[in-house]
Amino acid sequence: MFGDFRNVRIFVKPGPTDFRKSINGLAVLSEESMRQEAMSGNLYIFCNRGRTRIKVLYWDQNGFCLWLKRLEENKFPWPNTEEEAREISREEFSWLLRGIDFWNQYKKLQYTRVS
């Protein structure tokens, strides 16, 4: 499927993506907006405005593959800014597909006083 999956990196595009875009448009986004090499074999993940669908784009030896997952209920947790977005691990990718919000797992609490 991914060739040597151990070397595959996974990148998330923050904020909503226009889902009228297909392979070519998403490949351009991965290179221009995400500053990555679309034909590297890495995974590039995009989410629609309603956060009910994600698209995963990757290059597989001789062509691009595009996957789509649509949630029937709930929404995908999704970063809105470059600061929140980052490369994610395979484990975090699995969590994302299950709807687990690992971006907000540890919210920093700020108190002004003890009592």
C-alpha atoms as a PDB file:
ATOM      1  CA  MET A   1       0.000   0.000   0.000  1.00  0.00           C
ATOM      2  CA  PHE A   2       2.538   2.667   1.090  1.00  0.00           C
ATOM      3  CA  GLY A   3       5.711   0.849   0.133  1.00  0.00           C
ATOM      4  CA  ASP A   4       7.854   1.042   3.278  1.00  0.00           C
ATOM      5  CA  PHE A   5       5.267   2.407   5.731  1.00  0.00           C
ATOM      6  CA  ARG A   6       7.883   2.911   8.457  1.00  0.00           C
ATOM      7  CA  ASN A   7       9.288   5.912   6.603  1.00  0.00           C
ATOM      8  CA  VAL A   8       5.947   7.558   5.786  1.00  0.00           C
ATOM      9  CA  ARG A   9       5.364  10.914   7.440  1.00  0.00           C
ATOM     10  CA  ILE A  10       1.864  12.328   7.999  1.00  0.00           C
ATOM     11  CA  PHE A  11       1.076  16.024   7.574  1.00  0.00           C
ATOM     12  CA  VAL A  12      -2.149  17.871   8.437  1.00  0.00           C
ATOM     13  CA  LYS A  13      -3.315  20.976   6.544  1.00  0.00           C
ATOM     14  CA  PRO A  14      -4.861  23.285   9.175  1.00  0.00           C
ATOM     15  CA  GLY A  15      -8.227  24.933   8.709  1.00  0.00           C
ATOM     16  CA  PRO A  16     -10.844  24.006   6.133  1.00  0.00           C
ATOM     17  CA  THR A  17     -10.001  22.926   2.595  1.00  0.00           C
ATOM     18  CA  ASP A  18     -12.267  23.408  -0.420  1.00  0.00           C
ATOM     19  CA  PHE A  19     -13.394  19.825  -1.091  1.00  0.00           C
ATOM     20  CA  ARG A  20     -14.134  20.551  -4.720  1.00  0.00           C
ATOM     21  CA  LYS A  21     -10.386  20.086  -5.076  1.00  0.00           C
ATOM     22  CA  SER A  22      -9.311  16.635  -6.130  1.00  0.00           C
ATOM     23  CA  ILE A  23      -5.899  15.067  -6.632  1.00  0.00           C
ATOM     24  CA  ASN A  24      -4.236  17.833  -8.628  1.00  0.00           C
ATOM     25  CA  GLY A  25      -5.524  20.677  -6.455  1.00  0.00           C
ATOM     26  CA  LEU A  26      -4.628  18.888  -3.221  1.00  0.00           C
ATOM     27  CA  ALA A  27      -1.160  18.032  -4.541  1.00  0.00           C
ATOM     28  CA  VAL A  28      -0.606  21.727  -5.262  1.00  0.00           C
ATOM     29  CA  LEU A  29      -1.810  22.608  -1.732  1.00  0.00           C
ATOM     30  CA  SER A  30       0.583  20.092  -0.187  1.00  0.00           C
ATOM     31  CA  GLU A  31       3.492  21.678  -2.049  1.00  0.00           C
ATOM     32  CA  GLU A  32       2.595  25.363  -1.868  1.00  0.00           C
ATOM     33  CA  SER A  33       0.681  25.737   1.384  1.00  0.00           C
ATOM     34  CA  MET A  34       2.247  22.904   3.384  1.00  0.00           C
ATOM     35  CA  ARG A  35       5.709  23.275   1.781  1.00  0.00           C
ATOM     36  CA  GLN A  36       6.087  19.525   1.269  1.00  0.00           C
ATOM     37  CA  GLU A  37       6.928  17.356  -1.723  1.00  0.00           C
ATOM     38  CA  ALA A  38       3.638  15.823  -2.910  1.00  0.00           C
ATOM     39  CA  MET A  39       5.341  12.872  -4.614  1.00  0.00           C
ATOM     40  CA  SER A  40       7.364  11.896  -1.534  1.00  0.00           C
ATOM     41  CA  GLY A  41       5.053   9.051  -0.507  1.00  0.00           C
ATOM     42  CA  ASN A  42       4.025  10.900   2.659  1.00  0.00           C
ATOM     43  CA  LEU A  43       0.375  11.339   3.656  1.00  0.00           C
ATOM     44  CA  TYR A  44      -1.288  14.739   3.386  1.00  0.00           C
ATOM     45  CA  ILE A  45      -4.582  15.139   5.238  1.00  0.00           C
ATOM     46  CA  PHE A  46      -7.238  17.763   4.493  1.00  0.00           C
ATOM     47  CA  CYS A  47     -10.601  18.469   6.148  1.00  0.00           C
ATOM     48  CA  ASN A  48     -13.765  20.132   4.833  1.00  0.00           C
ATOM     49  CA  ARG A  49     -15.363  23.221   6.382  1.00  0.00           C
ATOM     50  CA  GLY A  50     -17.982  21.209   8.271  1.00  0.00           C
ATOM     51  CA  ARG A  51     -15.281  18.854   9.632  1.00  0.00           C
ATOM     52  CA  THR A  52     -17.350  15.832   8.584  1.00  0.00           C
ATOM     53  CA  ARG A  53     -14.968  14.646   5.847  1.00  0.00           C
ATOM     54  CA  ILE A  54     -11.261  14.188   5.464  1.00  0.00           C
ATOM     55  CA  LYS A  55      -9.238  13.468   2.344  1.00  0.00           C
ATOM     56  CA  VAL A  56      -5.876  11.724   2.455  1.00  0.00           C
ATOM     57  CA  LEU A  57      -3.527  12.152  -0.487  1.00  0.00           C
ATOM     58  CA  TYR A  58      -0.349  10.191  -1.121  1.00  0.00           C
ATOM     59  CA  TRP A  59       1.927   9.160  -3.988  1.00  0.00           C
ATOM     60  CA  ASP A  60       2.259   5.399  -4.450  1.00  0.00           C
ATOM     61  CA  GLN A  61       5.182   4.595  -6.803  1.00  0.00           C
ATOM     62  CA  ASN A  62       3.411   5.406 -10.080  1.00  0.00           C
ATOM     63  CA  GLY A  63       0.429   7.584  -9.232  1.00  0.00           C
ATOM     64  CA  PHE A  64      -1.503   9.504  -6.611  1.00  0.00           C
ATOM     65  CA  CYS A  65      -4.055   7.870  -4.331  1.00  0.00           C
ATOM     66  CA  LEU A  66      -6.873   9.795  -2.701  1.00  0.00           C
ATOM     67  CA  TRP A  67      -8.956   8.476   0.180  1.00  0.00           C
ATOM     68  CA  LEU A  68     -12.050  10.056   1.636  1.00  0.00           C
ATOM     69  CA  LYS A  69     -13.633   9.350   5.013  1.00  0.00           C
ATOM     70  CA  ARG A  70     -17.064  10.772   5.830  1.00  0.00           C
ATOM     71  CA  LEU A  71     -18.466  10.780   9.347  1.00  0.00           C
ATOM     72  CA  GLU A  72     -22.158  10.064   9.658  1.00  0.00           C
ATOM     73  CA  GLU A  73     -22.278  11.698  13.099  1.00  0.00           C
ATOM     74  CA  ASN A  74     -19.978  14.077  14.990  1.00  0.00           C
ATOM     75  CA  LYS A  75     -17.036  16.028  13.622  1.00  0.00           C
ATOM     76  CA  PHE A  76     -13.339  15.459  13.177  1.00  0.00           C
ATOM     77  CA  PRO A  77     -11.122  17.299  15.646  1.00  0.00           C
ATOM     78  CA  TRP A  78      -9.122  19.692  13.497  1.00  0.00           C
ATOM     79  CA  PRO A  79      -6.478  22.378  14.005  1.00  0.00           C
ATOM     80  CA  ASN A  80      -7.322  25.869  12.729  1.00  0.00           C
ATOM     81  CA  THR A  81      -3.890  27.488  12.671  1.00  0.00           C
ATOM     82  CA  GLU A  82      -0.358  26.662  11.577  1.00  0.00           C
ATOM     83  CA  GLU A  83       0.677  26.753  15.243  1.00  0.00           C
ATOM     84  CA  GLU A  84      -1.823  24.017  16.119  1.00  0.00           C
ATOM     85  CA  ALA A  85      -1.098  21.897  13.057  1.00  0.00           C
ATOM     86  CA  ARG A  86       1.949  19.731  12.820  1.00  0.00           C
ATOM     87  CA  GLU A  87       3.252  16.463  11.562  1.00  0.00           C
ATOM     88  CA  ILE A  88       1.393  13.688  13.340  1.00  0.00           C
ATOM     89  CA  SER A  89       2.380  10.132  14.247  1.00  0.00           C
ATOM     90  CA  ARG A  90       0.761   6.980  12.904  1.00  0.00           C
ATOM     91  CA  GLU A  91      -0.879   6.523  16.297  1.00  0.00           C
ATOM     92  CA  GLU A  92      -2.317  10.056  16.195  1.00  0.00           C
ATOM     93  CA  PHE A  93      -3.534   9.383  12.634  1.00  0.00           C
ATOM     94  CA  SER A  94      -5.395   6.343  13.934  1.00  0.00           C
ATOM     95  CA  TRP A  95      -6.899   8.470  16.713  1.00  0.00           C
ATOM     96  CA  LEU A  96      -7.909  11.125  14.196  1.00  0.00           C
ATOM     97  CA  LEU A  97      -9.751   8.551  12.086  1.00  0.00           C
ATOM     98  CA  ARG A  98     -11.635   7.483  15.230  1.00  0.00           C
ATOM     99  CA  GLY A  99     -12.471  11.091  16.151  1.00  0.00           C
ATOM    100  CA  ILE A 100     -10.212  11.382  19.202  1.00  0.00           C
ATOM    101  CA  ASP A 101      -9.162  14.996  19.788  1.00  0.00           C
ATOM    102  CA  PHE A 102      -5.470  14.712  20.611  1.00  0.00           C
ATOM    103  CA  TRP A 103      -4.873  18.386  19.755  1.00  0.00           C
ATOM    104  CA  ASN A 104      -6.664  19.435  22.932  1.00  0.00           C
ATOM    105  CA  GLN A 105      -5.729  16.564  25.190  1.00  0.00           C
ATOM    106  CA  TYR A 106      -3.801  18.777  27.595  1.00  0.00           C
ATOM    107  CA  LYS A 107      -5.190  22.260  27.884  1.00  0.00           C
ATOM    108  CA  LYS A 108      -2.939  24.594  29.807  1.00  0.00           C
ATOM    109  CA  LEU A 109      -4.821  25.950  32.793  1.00  0.00           C
ATOM    110  CA  GLN A 110      -4.115  29.482  33.910  1.00  0.00           C
ATOM    111  CA  TYR A 111      -5.223  30.578  37.348  1.00  0.00           C
ATOM    112  CA  THR A 112      -4.941  34.052  38.726  1.00  0.00           C
ATOM    113  CA  ARG A 113      -5.217  33.093  42.377  1.00  0.00           C
ATOM    114  CA  VAL A 114      -5.543  30.089  44.639  1.00  0.00           C
ATOM    115  CA  SER A 115      -8.745  30.992  46.480  1.00  0.00           C
END
